[in-house]
Amino acid sequence: MKSDGKPLLDVRNLGKRFHEQGKDSDRWVVEGMSFALYEGEFVTLIGPSGSGKSTLLNMIAQIDIPSKGEIHFRGDVINDPDRSRPSPGCDGRIGYVMQDDNLLPWRNLRANVEYPLAIQGRLDQEARRRVDELIEAVGLRGFENYYPHQLSGGMRKRASIIRTLAYDPPVILMDEPFGALDAESRLHIQSDLVSLWQRGEKTILFVTHDINEAIALGDRTITLTKSPASVRGEHIIDIPRPRALDSIVTAPQFPGLFSRIRAQV
C-alpha cells in the first residue's frame, strides 16, 4: 500500500433504499456503510448473496445516487443525494469492470479497448502506444482485429479489463469479473490483473464471493453483513507478495485468514 495516511476514496455512512411496490415503507439495501481505500491498495470485498455489493459499487461509480451518506475522493465530496442525475465514472476518475465484458460486437478488440479514449477525445499517439502496451501485457497481441464473437471468454475479459486501464482512472471497481470463467482461465487472468495493478499503481476495489480469491488478490478484505449491507469486518492479508496464486492455500497465514473471513460471511 502506497499512502500518505489520507484516504483516496472515503465512503461515509452510505445508504440506499428502494421503494417496494405494495408496501408503505422503503427497503434499505445498503445502510450505514463506511470504509476507506488508500492509494495503491488492492481491497477485496465479500459478503452474502444479495447483500447489496453491486448496489454499493454502482453508487461509488456514480451510476446510482445514494439515499444518504457521502463519498469523498481525495477529500472532496463527489456525490450529492439531492442531485437528480448521477455522473457515471466521476469524470474519468473511477473505472468499472462489470460481471459481463460488455464489448461492442461491431468493434474489433483494438477498437473496443480504445473506445473510452475516443469518446473522451484522448485517442492520441501516446494513448495508442499505451493501448499497444496493455494488449501486449495480457497476451492479446495478434488478436487486435478480431471481433468479440471470435474471442474466448477469457480473452474478452482481458480486453474489458485493459479497456478500463487504457484511460488511466486512479480507482477501479470490479464486480465479480471472473465468475463465469473456468478455473484455468480465472487463474491466468488473476495473475494478469495483479501484474497490471502492480505496474500501474491503481487502487482496486474487487467484489467476489470466493474467499480464496479474496485472500489471493487482496491487501485487505472487507466483509459485509446481510442486507441492508454495512461493514462487518476488515482483515489485513499479511501474505507477502509476490504470491503464488495457484497455491495460496499452502501459505502459513491462509488457514487463519480463511476461518476468520468465513465466520463473517
C-alpha atoms as a PDB file:
ATOM      1  CA  MET A   1       0.000   0.000   0.000  1.00  0.00           C
ATOM      2  CA  LYS A   2       1.305   3.410  -1.026  1.00  0.00           C
ATOM      3  CA  SER A   3      -0.320   6.024   1.175  1.00  0.00           C
ATOM      4  CA  ASP A   4       0.282   9.367   2.857  1.00  0.00           C
ATOM      5  CA  GLY A   5      -2.221   8.363   5.534  1.00  0.00           C
ATOM      6  CA  LYS A   6      -5.147  10.110   3.836  1.00  0.00           C
ATOM      7  CA  PRO A   7      -7.804   8.034   2.056  1.00  0.00           C
ATOM      8  CA  LEU A   8      -8.015   8.215  -1.701  1.00  0.00           C
ATOM      9  CA  LEU A   9     -11.673   7.178  -1.549  1.00  0.00           C
ATOM     10  CA  ASP A  10     -13.701   7.530   1.635  1.00  0.00           C
ATOM     11  CA  VAL A  11     -17.226   6.126   1.972  1.00  0.00           C
ATOM     12  CA  ARG A  12     -19.103   7.637   4.920  1.00  0.00           C
ATOM     13  CA  ASN A  13     -22.422   6.364   6.292  1.00  0.00           C
ATOM     14  CA  LEU A  14     -23.616   5.472   2.796  1.00  0.00           C
ATOM     15  CA  GLY A  15     -27.153   4.202   2.325  1.00  0.00           C
ATOM     16  CA  LYS A  16     -29.506   3.223  -0.474  1.00  0.00           C
ATOM     17  CA  ARG A  17     -33.204   2.458  -0.223  1.00  0.00           C
ATOM     18  CA  PHE A  18     -35.727   1.296  -2.789  1.00  0.00           C
ATOM     19  CA  HIS A  19     -39.491   1.549  -2.783  1.00  0.00           C
ATOM     20  CA  GLU A  20     -41.175  -1.854  -2.769  1.00  0.00           C
ATOM     21  CA  GLN A  21     -44.455  -1.980  -4.634  1.00  0.00           C
ATOM     22  CA  GLY A  22     -47.425  -2.645  -2.407  1.00  0.00           C
ATOM     23  CA  LYS A  23     -45.606  -1.659   0.789  1.00  0.00           C
ATOM     24  CA  ASP A  24     -45.830   1.521   2.839  1.00  0.00           C
ATOM     25  CA  SER A  25     -42.137   1.743   3.678  1.00  0.00           C
ATOM     26  CA  ASP A  26     -38.944   1.651   1.610  1.00  0.00           C
ATOM     27  CA  ARG A  27     -36.423  -1.174   1.865  1.00  0.00           C
ATOM     28  CA  TRP A  28     -32.821  -0.304   2.725  1.00  0.00           C
ATOM     29  CA  VAL A  29     -30.335  -2.343   0.653  1.00  0.00           C
ATOM     30  CA  VAL A  30     -27.244  -0.563   1.973  1.00  0.00           C
ATOM     31  CA  GLU A  31     -27.271   1.352   5.275  1.00  0.00           C
ATOM     32  CA  GLY A  32     -24.514   2.863   7.398  1.00  0.00           C
ATOM     33  CA  MET A  33     -21.728   1.752   5.050  1.00  0.00           C
ATOM     34  CA  SER A  34     -18.344   3.275   5.930  1.00  0.00           C
ATOM     35  CA  PHE A  35     -14.830   2.349   4.804  1.00  0.00           C
ATOM     36  CA  ALA A  36     -11.800   3.901   3.118  1.00  0.00           C
ATOM     37  CA  LEU A  37      -9.467   2.963   0.270  1.00  0.00           C
ATOM     38  CA  TYR A  38      -5.874   4.182   0.214  1.00  0.00           C
ATOM     39  CA  GLU A  39      -3.589   4.956  -2.704  1.00  0.00           C
ATOM     40  CA  GLY A  40      -2.287   1.801  -4.374  1.00  0.00           C
ATOM     41  CA  GLU A  41      -4.370  -0.663  -2.334  1.00  0.00           C
ATOM     42  CA  PHE A  42      -5.971  -3.796  -3.706  1.00  0.00           C
ATOM     43  CA  VAL A  43      -9.027  -4.314  -1.493  1.00  0.00           C
ATOM     44  CA  THR A  44     -11.331  -7.292  -1.874  1.00  0.00           C
ATOM     45  CA  LEU A  45     -14.927  -7.142  -0.694  1.00  0.00           C
ATOM     46  CA  ILE A  46     -17.009 -10.174   0.146  1.00  0.00           C
ATOM     47  CA  GLY A  47     -20.496 -10.619   1.561  1.00  0.00           C
ATOM     48  CA  PRO A  48     -23.585 -12.832   1.476  1.00  0.00           C
ATOM     49  CA  SER A  49     -25.511 -13.199  -1.760  1.00  0.00           C
ATOM     50  CA  GLY A  50     -27.970 -10.330  -2.166  1.00  0.00           C
ATOM     51  CA  SER A  51     -26.208  -8.154   0.391  1.00  0.00           C
ATOM     52  CA  GLY A  52     -26.000  -5.092  -1.871  1.00  0.00           C
ATOM     53  CA  LYS A  53     -22.448  -5.398  -3.185  1.00  0.00           C
ATOM     54  CA  SER A  54     -23.347  -4.369  -6.736  1.00  0.00           C
ATOM     55  CA  THR A  55     -25.551  -1.543  -5.438  1.00  0.00           C
ATOM     56  CA  LEU A  56     -22.586  -0.275  -3.423  1.00  0.00           C
ATOM     57  CA  LEU A  57     -20.300  -0.275  -6.467  1.00  0.00           C
ATOM     58  CA  ASN A  58     -22.949   1.455  -8.565  1.00  0.00           C
ATOM     59  CA  MET A  59     -23.113   4.263  -6.015  1.00  0.00           C
ATOM     60  CA  ILE A  60     -19.322   4.646  -5.852  1.00  0.00           C
ATOM     61  CA  ALA A  61     -19.147   4.634  -9.660  1.00  0.00           C
ATOM     62  CA  GLN A  62     -21.804   7.381  -9.723  1.00  0.00           C
ATOM     63  CA  ILE A  63     -24.183   5.214 -11.761  1.00  0.00           C
ATOM     64  CA  ASP A  64     -26.707   5.337  -8.936  1.00  0.00           C
ATOM     65  CA  ILE A  65     -27.429   8.081  -6.417  1.00  0.00           C
ATOM     66  CA  PRO A  66     -27.155   7.265  -2.680  1.00  0.00           C
ATOM     67  CA  SER A  67     -30.158   7.896  -0.470  1.00  0.00           C
ATOM     68  CA  LYS A  68     -27.852   9.178   2.253  1.00  0.00           C
ATOM     69  CA  GLY A  69     -24.190   9.491   3.141  1.00  0.00           C
ATOM     70  CA  GLU A  70     -21.131  10.836   1.356  1.00  0.00           C
ATOM     71  CA  ILE A  71     -18.395   9.579  -0.956  1.00  0.00           C
ATOM     72  CA  HIS A  72     -15.134  11.526  -0.800  1.00  0.00           C
ATOM     73  CA  PHE A  73     -12.450  11.382  -3.480  1.00  0.00           C
ATOM     74  CA  ARG A  74      -9.149  12.918  -2.394  1.00  0.00           C
ATOM     75  CA  GLY A  75     -11.016  14.850   0.257  1.00  0.00           C
ATOM     76  CA  ASP A  76     -13.774  16.233  -1.972  1.00  0.00           C
ATOM     77  CA  VAL A  77     -17.402  15.073  -1.833  1.00  0.00           C
ATOM     78  CA  ILE A  78     -18.264  13.575  -5.228  1.00  0.00           C
ATOM     79  CA  ASN A  79     -21.880  12.601  -4.608  1.00  0.00           C
ATOM     80  CA  ASP A  80     -24.940  14.697  -3.949  1.00  0.00           C
ATOM     81  CA  PRO A  81     -28.019  12.832  -2.654  1.00  0.00           C
ATOM     82  CA  ASP A  82     -30.215  15.727  -3.846  1.00  0.00           C
ATOM     83  CA  ARG A  83     -28.927  15.566  -7.433  1.00  0.00           C
ATOM     84  CA  SER A  84     -31.475  14.234  -9.922  1.00  0.00           C
ATOM     85  CA  ARG A  85     -28.904  12.619 -12.212  1.00  0.00           C
ATOM     86  CA  PRO A  86     -25.729  10.667 -11.455  1.00  0.00           C
ATOM     87  CA  SER A  87     -22.402  11.414 -13.140  1.00  0.00           C
ATOM     88  CA  PRO A  88     -21.045   7.993 -14.200  1.00  0.00           C
ATOM     89  CA  GLY A  89     -17.321   7.478 -13.710  1.00  0.00           C
ATOM     90  CA  CYS A  90     -16.774  10.717 -11.813  1.00  0.00           C
ATOM     91  CA  ASP A  91     -15.167  12.472 -14.800  1.00  0.00           C
ATOM     92  CA  GLY A  92     -12.947   9.518 -15.646  1.00  0.00           C
ATOM     93  CA  ARG A  93     -11.570   9.103 -12.131  1.00  0.00           C
ATOM     94  CA  ILE A  94     -13.396   5.847 -11.345  1.00  0.00           C
ATOM     95  CA  GLY A  95     -13.320   2.868 -13.708  1.00  0.00           C
ATOM     96  CA  TYR A  96     -15.780  -0.019 -13.506  1.00  0.00           C
ATOM     97  CA  VAL A  97     -15.308  -3.591 -14.725  1.00  0.00           C
ATOM     98  CA  MET A  98     -18.645  -5.380 -14.501  1.00  0.00           C
ATOM     99  CA  GLN A  99     -19.533  -9.069 -14.486  1.00  0.00           C
ATOM    100  CA  ASP A 100     -20.191  -9.064 -18.242  1.00  0.00           C
ATOM    101  CA  ASP A 101     -17.431  -7.922 -20.584  1.00  0.00           C
ATOM    102  CA  ASN A 102     -19.824  -5.504 -22.391  1.00  0.00           C
ATOM    103  CA  LEU A 103     -17.647  -5.398 -25.516  1.00  0.00           C
ATOM    104  CA  LEU A 104     -19.304  -3.788 -28.530  1.00  0.00           C
ATOM    105  CA  PRO A 105     -19.879  -6.594 -31.073  1.00  0.00           C
ATOM    106  CA  TRP A 106     -19.357  -4.349 -34.124  1.00  0.00           C
ATOM    107  CA  ARG A 107     -15.913  -3.192 -32.953  1.00  0.00           C
ATOM    108  CA  ASN A 108     -12.764  -5.295 -33.072  1.00  0.00           C
ATOM    109  CA  LEU A 109     -10.635  -5.829 -29.993  1.00  0.00           C
ATOM    110  CA  ARG A 110      -8.423  -2.784 -30.513  1.00  0.00           C
ATOM    111  CA  ALA A 111     -11.389  -0.522 -31.234  1.00  0.00           C
ATOM    112  CA  ASN A 112     -13.139  -1.780 -28.087  1.00  0.00           C
ATOM    113  CA  VAL A 113     -10.095  -1.051 -25.922  1.00  0.00           C
ATOM    114  CA  GLU A 114      -9.714   2.397 -27.500  1.00  0.00           C
ATOM    115  CA  TYR A 115     -13.404   3.279 -27.216  1.00  0.00           C
ATOM    116  CA  PRO A 116     -13.343   5.120 -23.837  1.00  0.00           C
ATOM    117  CA  LEU A 117     -10.352   7.155 -25.012  1.00  0.00           C
ATOM    118  CA  ALA A 118     -12.133   8.009 -28.245  1.00  0.00           C
ATOM    119  CA  ILE A 119     -15.292   9.278 -26.552  1.00  0.00           C
ATOM    120  CA  GLN A 120     -13.163  11.312 -24.125  1.00  0.00           C
ATOM    121  CA  GLY A 121     -11.289  12.890 -27.038  1.00  0.00           C
ATOM    122  CA  ARG A 122      -7.979  11.495 -25.775  1.00  0.00           C
ATOM    123  CA  LEU A 123      -7.092   8.996 -28.500  1.00  0.00           C
ATOM    124  CA  ASP A 124      -3.727  10.494 -29.464  1.00  0.00           C
ATOM    125  CA  GLN A 125      -0.418   8.838 -30.322  1.00  0.00           C
ATOM    126  CA  GLU A 126       0.551   8.400 -26.664  1.00  0.00           C
ATOM    127  CA  ALA A 127      -2.806   6.791 -25.870  1.00  0.00           C
ATOM    128  CA  ARG A 128      -2.426   4.376 -28.787  1.00  0.00           C
ATOM    129  CA  ARG A 129       1.031   3.445 -27.518  1.00  0.00           C
ATOM    130  CA  ARG A 130      -0.440   2.695 -24.100  1.00  0.00           C
ATOM    131  CA  VAL A 131      -3.126   0.522 -25.692  1.00  0.00           C
ATOM    132  CA  ASP A 132      -0.390  -1.407 -27.532  1.00  0.00           C
ATOM    133  CA  GLU A 133       1.450  -1.993 -24.247  1.00  0.00           C
ATOM    134  CA  LEU A 134      -1.689  -3.211 -22.481  1.00  0.00           C
ATOM    135  CA  ILE A 135      -2.620  -5.570 -25.325  1.00  0.00           C
ATOM    136  CA  GLU A 136       0.905  -6.989 -25.193  1.00  0.00           C
ATOM    137  CA  ALA A 137       0.845  -7.267 -21.387  1.00  0.00           C
ATOM    138  CA  VAL A 138      -2.218  -9.548 -21.342  1.00  0.00           C
ATOM    139  CA  GLY A 139      -1.177 -11.742 -24.244  1.00  0.00           C
ATOM    140  CA  LEU A 140      -3.606 -10.399 -26.848  1.00  0.00           C
ATOM    141  CA  ARG A 141      -1.009  -9.356 -29.432  1.00  0.00           C
ATOM    142  CA  GLY A 142      -2.133 -10.694 -32.809  1.00  0.00           C
ATOM    143  CA  PHE A 143      -5.833 -10.537 -31.926  1.00  0.00           C
ATOM    144  CA  GLU A 144      -6.292  -6.792 -32.365  1.00  0.00           C
ATOM    145  CA  ASN A 145      -8.520  -7.189 -35.430  1.00  0.00           C
ATOM    146  CA  TYR A 146     -10.672  -9.988 -34.017  1.00  0.00           C
ATOM    147  CA  TYR A 147     -14.283  -9.265 -33.083  1.00  0.00           C
ATOM    148  CA  PRO A 148     -15.772 -10.296 -29.716  1.00  0.00           C
ATOM    149  CA  HIS A 149     -17.551 -13.365 -31.151  1.00  0.00           C
ATOM    150  CA  GLN A 150     -14.164 -14.628 -32.381  1.00  0.00           C
ATOM    151  CA  LEU A 151     -12.563 -14.444 -28.921  1.00  0.00           C
ATOM    152  CA  SER A 152     -12.730 -16.830 -25.980  1.00  0.00           C
ATOM    153  CA  GLY A 153     -14.388 -15.781 -22.724  1.00  0.00           C
ATOM    154  CA  GLY A 154     -11.011 -15.243 -21.108  1.00  0.00           C
ATOM    155  CA  MET A 155      -9.782 -13.089 -23.972  1.00  0.00           C
ATOM    156  CA  ARG A 156     -12.908 -10.949 -23.851  1.00  0.00           C
ATOM    157  CA  LYS A 157     -12.449 -10.490 -20.113  1.00  0.00           C
ATOM    158  CA  ARG A 158      -8.827  -9.421 -20.603  1.00  0.00           C
ATOM    159  CA  ALA A 159      -9.995  -6.928 -23.204  1.00  0.00           C
ATOM    160  CA  SER A 160     -12.611  -5.486 -20.839  1.00  0.00           C
ATOM    161  CA  ILE A 161     -10.002  -5.034 -18.092  1.00  0.00           C
ATOM    162  CA  ILE A 162      -7.460  -3.248 -20.288  1.00  0.00           C
ATOM    163  CA  ARG A 163     -10.239  -1.129 -21.822  1.00  0.00           C
ATOM    164  CA  THR A 164     -10.710   0.327 -18.321  1.00  0.00           C
ATOM    165  CA  LEU A 165      -6.977   0.624 -17.673  1.00  0.00           C
ATOM    166  CA  ALA A 166      -6.410   2.364 -21.013  1.00  0.00           C
ATOM    167  CA  TYR A 167      -7.954   5.665 -19.898  1.00  0.00           C
ATOM    168  CA  ASP A 168      -5.999   5.515 -16.631  1.00  0.00           C
ATOM    169  CA  PRO A 169      -8.551   6.035 -13.820  1.00  0.00           C
ATOM    170  CA  PRO A 170      -6.964   6.182 -10.336  1.00  0.00           C
ATOM    171  CA  VAL A 171      -9.679   3.889  -8.872  1.00  0.00           C
ATOM    172  CA  ILE A 172     -11.035   0.722 -10.488  1.00  0.00           C
ATOM    173  CA  LEU A 173     -14.134  -1.093  -9.246  1.00  0.00           C
ATOM    174  CA  MET A 174     -14.543  -4.740 -10.226  1.00  0.00           C
ATOM    175  CA  ASP A 175     -17.811  -6.622  -9.691  1.00  0.00           C
ATOM    176  CA  GLU A 176     -17.139 -10.391  -9.645  1.00  0.00           C
ATOM    177  CA  PRO A 177     -15.438 -10.100 -13.040  1.00  0.00           C
ATOM    178  CA  PHE A 178     -14.170 -13.681 -13.236  1.00  0.00           C
ATOM    179  CA  GLY A 179     -17.235 -15.567 -12.024  1.00  0.00           C
ATOM    180  CA  ALA A 180     -18.154 -17.054 -15.417  1.00  0.00           C
ATOM    181  CA  LEU A 181     -14.652 -18.292 -16.291  1.00  0.00           C
ATOM    182  CA  ASP A 182     -13.266 -21.800 -15.934  1.00  0.00           C
ATOM    183  CA  ALA A 183     -10.648 -22.389 -13.226  1.00  0.00           C
ATOM    184  CA  GLU A 184      -7.621 -22.245 -15.526  1.00  0.00           C
ATOM    185  CA  SER A 185      -8.696 -19.061 -17.315  1.00  0.00           C
ATOM    186  CA  ARG A 186      -9.576 -17.486 -13.996  1.00  0.00           C
ATOM    187  CA  LEU A 187      -6.111 -18.167 -12.568  1.00  0.00           C
ATOM    188  CA  HIS A 188      -4.361 -16.727 -15.621  1.00  0.00           C
ATOM    189  CA  ILE A 189      -6.442 -13.555 -15.586  1.00  0.00           C
ATOM    190  CA  GLN A 190      -5.994 -13.144 -11.834  1.00  0.00           C
ATOM    191  CA  SER A 191      -2.229 -13.180 -12.440  1.00  0.00           C
ATOM    192  CA  ASP A 192      -2.577 -10.702 -15.312  1.00  0.00           C
ATOM    193  CA  LEU A 193      -4.667  -8.403 -13.136  1.00  0.00           C
ATOM    194  CA  VAL A 194      -2.148  -8.400 -10.280  1.00  0.00           C
ATOM    195  CA  SER A 195       0.681  -7.659 -12.733  1.00  0.00           C
ATOM    196  CA  LEU A 196      -1.266  -4.793 -14.305  1.00  0.00           C
ATOM    197  CA  TRP A 197      -2.176  -3.407 -10.884  1.00  0.00           C
ATOM    198  CA  GLN A 198       1.436  -3.503  -9.698  1.00  0.00           C
ATOM    199  CA  ARG A 199       2.798  -1.758 -12.773  1.00  0.00           C
ATOM    200  CA  GLY A 200       0.033   0.838 -12.910  1.00  0.00           C
ATOM    201  CA  GLU A 201      -0.213   1.728  -9.197  1.00  0.00           C
ATOM    202  CA  LYS A 202      -4.007   1.677  -9.274  1.00  0.00           C
ATOM    203  CA  THR A 203      -6.392   1.409  -6.342  1.00  0.00           C
ATOM    204  CA  ILE A 204      -8.763  -1.518  -6.819  1.00  0.00           C
ATOM    205  CA  LEU A 205     -11.972  -2.484  -5.031  1.00  0.00           C
ATOM    206  CA  PHE A 206     -12.756  -6.048  -6.111  1.00  0.00           C
ATOM    207  CA  VAL A 207     -16.056  -7.745  -5.249  1.00  0.00           C
ATOM    208  CA  THR A 208     -16.004 -11.540  -5.065  1.00  0.00           C
ATOM    209  CA  HIS A 209     -17.974 -14.384  -3.479  1.00  0.00           C
ATOM    210  CA  ASP A 210     -14.857 -16.586  -3.358  1.00  0.00           C
ATOM    211  CA  ILE A 211     -12.867 -16.405  -0.108  1.00  0.00           C
ATOM    212  CA  ASN A 212      -9.778 -17.970  -1.724  1.00  0.00           C
ATOM    213  CA  GLU A 213      -9.838 -15.282  -4.417  1.00  0.00           C
ATOM    214  CA  ALA A 214     -10.340 -12.540  -1.838  1.00  0.00           C
ATOM    215  CA  ILE A 215      -7.251 -13.695   0.053  1.00  0.00           C
ATOM    216  CA  ALA A 216      -5.127 -14.393  -3.028  1.00  0.00           C
ATOM    217  CA  LEU A 217      -5.648 -10.958  -4.563  1.00  0.00           C
ATOM    218  CA  GLY A 218      -6.153  -8.520  -1.719  1.00  0.00           C
ATOM    219  CA  ASP A 219      -4.029  -6.386   0.587  1.00  0.00           C
ATOM    220  CA  ARG A 220      -7.130  -6.186   2.751  1.00  0.00           C
ATOM    221  CA  THR A 221     -10.519  -7.890   2.734  1.00  0.00           C
ATOM    222  CA  ILE A 222     -13.730  -6.157   3.822  1.00  0.00           C
ATOM    223  CA  THR A 223     -16.668  -8.348   4.842  1.00  0.00           C
ATOM    224  CA  LEU A 224     -20.279  -7.189   4.701  1.00  0.00           C
ATOM    225  CA  THR A 225     -23.363  -8.026   6.711  1.00  0.00           C
ATOM    226  CA  LYS A 226     -26.570  -9.332   5.187  1.00  0.00           C
ATOM    227  CA  SER A 227     -28.844  -6.746   3.569  1.00  0.00           C
ATOM    228  CA  PRO A 228     -29.088  -3.948   4.488  1.00  0.00           C
ATOM    229  CA  ALA A 229     -25.346  -4.116   3.998  1.00  0.00           C
ATOM    230  CA  SER A 230     -22.790  -2.453   6.211  1.00  0.00           C
ATOM    231  CA  VAL A 231     -19.196  -3.331   7.048  1.00  0.00           C
ATOM    232  CA  ARG A 232     -18.915  -6.318   9.349  1.00  0.00           C
ATOM    233  CA  GLY A 233     -15.139  -6.670   9.489  1.00  0.00           C
ATOM    234  CA  GLU A 234     -11.774  -5.896   7.888  1.00  0.00           C
ATOM    235  CA  HIS A 235      -8.883  -8.324   7.539  1.00  0.00           C
ATOM    236  CA  ILE A 236      -5.291  -7.466   6.620  1.00  0.00           C
ATOM    237  CA  ILE A 237      -3.962 -10.084   4.182  1.00  0.00           C
ATOM    238  CA  ASP A 238      -0.455 -10.488   5.568  1.00  0.00           C
ATOM    239  CA  ILE A 239       0.771 -12.950   2.915  1.00  0.00           C
ATOM    240  CA  PRO A 240       3.879 -11.435   1.280  1.00  0.00           C
ATOM    241  CA  ARG A 241       3.889 -10.533  -2.395  1.00  0.00           C
ATOM    242  CA  PRO A 242       4.617 -11.844  -4.948  1.00  0.00           C
ATOM    243  CA  ARG A 243       2.136 -14.644  -4.217  1.00  0.00           C
ATOM    244  CA  ALA A 244       1.737 -17.990  -5.918  1.00  0.00           C
ATOM    245  CA  LEU A 245      -1.963 -17.634  -6.676  1.00  0.00           C
ATOM    246  CA  ASP A 246      -2.341 -21.286  -7.664  1.00  0.00           C
ATOM    247  CA  SER A 247      -1.092 -22.478  -4.289  1.00  0.00           C
ATOM    248  CA  ILE A 248      -2.262 -19.697  -1.974  1.00  0.00           C
ATOM    249  CA  VAL A 249      -3.850 -22.293   0.335  1.00  0.00           C
ATOM    250  CA  THR A 250      -0.375 -23.518   1.323  1.00  0.00           C
ATOM    251  CA  ALA A 251       0.630 -20.144   2.781  1.00  0.00           C
ATOM    252  CA  PRO A 252       1.004 -20.413   6.588  1.00  0.00           C
ATOM    253  CA  GLN A 253      -1.305 -17.430   7.099  1.00  0.00           C
ATOM    254  CA  PHE A 254      -4.070 -18.827   4.884  1.00  0.00           C
ATOM    255  CA  PRO A 255      -6.000 -21.114   7.290  1.00  0.00           C
ATOM    256  CA  GLY A 256      -6.424 -18.425   9.923  1.00  0.00           C
ATOM    257  CA  LEU A 257      -7.451 -15.789   7.395  1.00  0.00           C
ATOM    258  CA  PHE A 258      -9.918 -18.164   5.726  1.00  0.00           C
ATOM    259  CA  SER A 259     -11.522 -19.117   9.047  1.00  0.00           C
ATOM    260  CA  ARG A 260     -11.915 -15.524  10.225  1.00  0.00           C
ATOM    261  CA  ILE A 261     -13.400 -14.346   6.933  1.00  0.00           C
ATOM    262  CA  ARG A 262     -15.632 -17.418   6.590  1.00  0.00           C
ATOM    263  CA  ALA A 263     -17.055 -16.801  10.058  1.00  0.00           C
ATOM    264  CA  GLN A 264     -18.287 -13.376   8.897  1.00  0.00           C
ATOM    265  CA  VAL A 265     -19.902 -14.355   5.591  1.00  0.00           C
END
